Amino acid sequence: MQLNLSSFKSVRDFAKQFNETEKRLDVLVNNAGGATNYRFTEDGFIETYQMNYLSHFLLTLLLLEKLMESAPSRIINVSSIMHSFANAKLKFENFAKYPKSEYNPSKAYNQSKLAQVLFTKELSHHLKGKKELACKILSP
């Protein structure tokens, strides 16, 4: 199945097709990462943020029920040590409104990976006590 992480339509179509055709989902590995130039997706977000974080978030939520039905299952979000260099004042509104004059691909990458780490921690907290599903973060 094809999946384009720079398109929410593609993510939704993929999840719908997967949920309709596959019986199980034992492991979901969110492992995309890249730092693109100042470019917006069809959804209005800076491409780096959407590919590295927003689409992983959406895909995970759309497949969560299948993961829970397939227990025991796992969600693995692969991050980067670069998240530790992100600005601690992460502003999610910047994912769509980042001024071109301030945009830096490396900084955007770092912030997108920090967002992914925060999502993983929150999802892990939300799933705590559900032995059938665990959420882990891998940071090389």
Protein backbone atom coordinates (compact mmCIF):
# COMPACT_ATOMS: atom_id res chain seq x y z
CA MET A 1 0.00 0.00 0.00
CA GLN A 2 1.20 3.47 -0.76
CA LEU A 3 1.54 6.17 1.87
CA ASN A 4 2.61 9.78 1.39
CA LEU A 5 3.26 11.41 4.74
CA SER A 6 3.08 14.89 3.24
CA SER A 7 -0.65 14.38 2.56
CA PHE A 8 -3.32 13.84 5.22
CA LYS A 9 -5.59 12.46 2.47
CA SER A 10 -2.98 9.81 1.70
CA VAL A 11 -2.64 8.96 5.40
CA ARG A 12 -6.41 8.66 5.79
CA ASP A 13 -6.74 6.58 2.60
CA PHE A 14 -3.93 4.27 3.72
CA ALA A 15 -5.44 3.77 7.18
CA LYS A 16 -8.90 3.14 5.74
CA GLN A 17 -7.56 0.57 3.27
CA PHE A 18 -5.42 -1.07 5.94
CA ASN A 19 -8.26 -1.26 8.45
CA GLU A 20 -10.59 -2.75 5.83
CA THR A 21 -8.20 -5.33 4.40
CA GLU A 22 -5.89 -6.41 7.20
CA LYS A 23 -6.91 -8.55 10.15
CA ARG A 24 -4.06 -7.59 12.48
CA LEU A 25 -1.53 -4.90 13.21
CA ASP A 26 1.04 -6.14 15.67
CA VAL A 27 3.65 -3.37 15.32
CA LEU A 28 3.41 0.15 13.99
CA VAL A 29 6.82 1.72 13.37
CA ASN A 30 6.78 5.46 12.69
CA ASN A 31 10.24 6.00 11.25
CA ALA A 32 10.09 8.79 8.65
CA GLY A 33 12.39 11.72 9.08
CA GLY A 34 13.71 14.44 6.89
CA ALA A 35 14.49 18.14 6.78
CA THR A 36 13.04 19.82 3.72
CA ASN A 37 13.37 23.35 2.43
CA TYR A 38 10.66 25.90 3.20
CA ARG A 39 7.76 24.13 1.53
CA PHE A 40 4.11 23.74 2.50
CA THR A 41 1.98 20.63 2.04
CA GLU A 42 -1.47 20.60 0.44
CA ASP A 43 -2.79 20.65 4.02
CA GLY A 44 -1.10 23.95 4.79
CA PHE A 45 1.71 22.75 7.04
CA ILE A 46 5.46 23.02 6.63
CA GLU A 47 6.47 19.73 5.01
CA THR A 48 9.14 18.81 7.58
CA TYR A 49 6.62 19.04 10.44
CA GLN A 50 3.92 17.13 8.63
CA MET A 51 6.17 14.29 7.45
CA ASN A 52 8.07 13.88 10.73
CA TYR A 53 5.28 14.38 13.24
CA LEU A 54 1.76 15.37 12.21
CA SER A 55 1.20 12.45 9.84
CA HIS A 56 2.64 9.96 12.35
CA PHE A 57 0.22 11.35 14.93
CA LEU A 58 -2.74 11.02 12.55
CA LEU A 59 -1.74 7.56 11.32
CA THR A 60 -1.30 6.26 14.86
CA LEU A 61 -4.72 7.52 15.92
CA LEU A 62 -6.38 6.06 12.82
CA LEU A 63 -4.78 2.64 13.43
CA LEU A 64 -5.08 2.59 17.23
CA GLU A 65 -8.26 0.52 17.30
CA LYS A 66 -6.69 -2.12 15.02
CA LEU A 67 -3.62 -2.18 17.26
CA MET A 68 -5.77 -2.69 20.35
CA GLU A 69 -7.75 -5.47 18.64
CA SER A 70 -4.44 -7.17 17.74
CA ALA A 71 -3.08 -7.21 21.28
CA PRO A 72 -0.41 -7.65 22.35
CA SER A 73 0.85 -4.96 20.00
CA ARG A 74 3.38 -2.15 19.94
CA ILE A 75 3.83 1.39 18.63
CA ILE A 76 7.42 2.38 18.02
CA ASN A 77 8.22 6.02 17.25
CA VAL A 78 11.79 6.38 16.07
CA SER A 79 13.19 9.76 16.99
CA SER A 80 16.58 11.40 16.91
CA ILE A 81 18.94 12.79 19.51
CA MET A 82 18.47 16.04 17.60
CA HIS A 83 15.20 16.57 19.47
CA SER A 84 17.31 17.65 22.43
CA PHE A 85 18.51 20.66 20.40
CA ALA A 86 14.98 21.93 19.75
CA ASN A 87 13.73 25.12 21.28
CA ALA A 88 12.04 24.22 24.56
CA LYS A 89 9.28 26.69 23.68
CA LEU A 90 7.86 24.54 20.92
CA LYS A 91 4.89 26.31 19.31
CA PHE A 92 2.65 24.04 17.31
CA GLU A 93 1.12 27.01 15.48
CA ASN A 94 4.54 27.50 13.87
CA PHE A 95 3.97 24.26 11.94
CA ALA A 96 1.71 26.27 9.63
CA LYS A 97 2.82 29.88 10.15
CA TYR A 98 6.58 29.74 10.34
CA PRO A 99 8.01 32.90 8.75
CA LYS A 100 10.23 32.10 5.78
CA SER A 101 12.88 34.52 7.03
CA GLU A 102 13.24 32.46 10.24
CA TYR A 103 12.93 28.99 8.74
CA ASN A 104 15.87 26.65 9.11
CA PRO A 105 15.51 23.01 7.94
CA SER A 106 17.64 21.67 10.80
CA LYS A 107 15.69 23.63 13.40
CA ALA A 108 12.40 22.43 11.92
CA TYR A 109 13.68 18.83 12.00
CA ASN A 110 14.72 19.19 15.65
CA GLN A 111 11.35 20.65 16.61
CA SER A 112 9.41 18.00 14.70
CA LYS A 113 11.33 15.26 16.50
CA LEU A 114 10.70 16.94 19.86
CA ALA A 115 6.99 16.99 19.02
CA GLN A 116 7.21 13.28 18.24
CA VAL A 117 8.88 12.59 21.59
CA LEU A 118 6.18 14.56 23.42
CA PHE A 119 3.46 12.70 21.52
CA THR A 120 5.03 9.38 22.45
CA LYS A 121 5.22 10.31 26.11
CA GLU A 122 1.59 11.47 26.15
CA LEU A 123 0.37 8.40 24.27
CA SER A 124 2.34 6.16 26.61
CA HIS A 125 0.72 7.91 29.58
CA HIS A 126 -2.72 7.52 27.96
CA LEU A 127 -2.14 3.81 27.35
CA LYS A 128 -0.63 3.14 30.78
CA GLY A 129 -2.23 0.12 32.39
CA LYS A 130 -3.28 -1.35 29.06
CA LYS A 131 -0.92 -4.30 28.96
CA GLU A 132 -2.08 -5.19 25.48
CA LEU A 133 -0.53 -2.08 23.94
CA ALA A 134 2.73 -0.35 24.70
CA CYS A 135 4.25 2.76 23.19
CA LYS A 136 8.02 3.18 23.12
CA ILE A 137 10.40 5.73 21.74
CA LEU A 138 13.71 4.82 20.16
CA SER A 139 16.33 7.52 19.92
CA PRO A 140 19.65 6.52 18.37
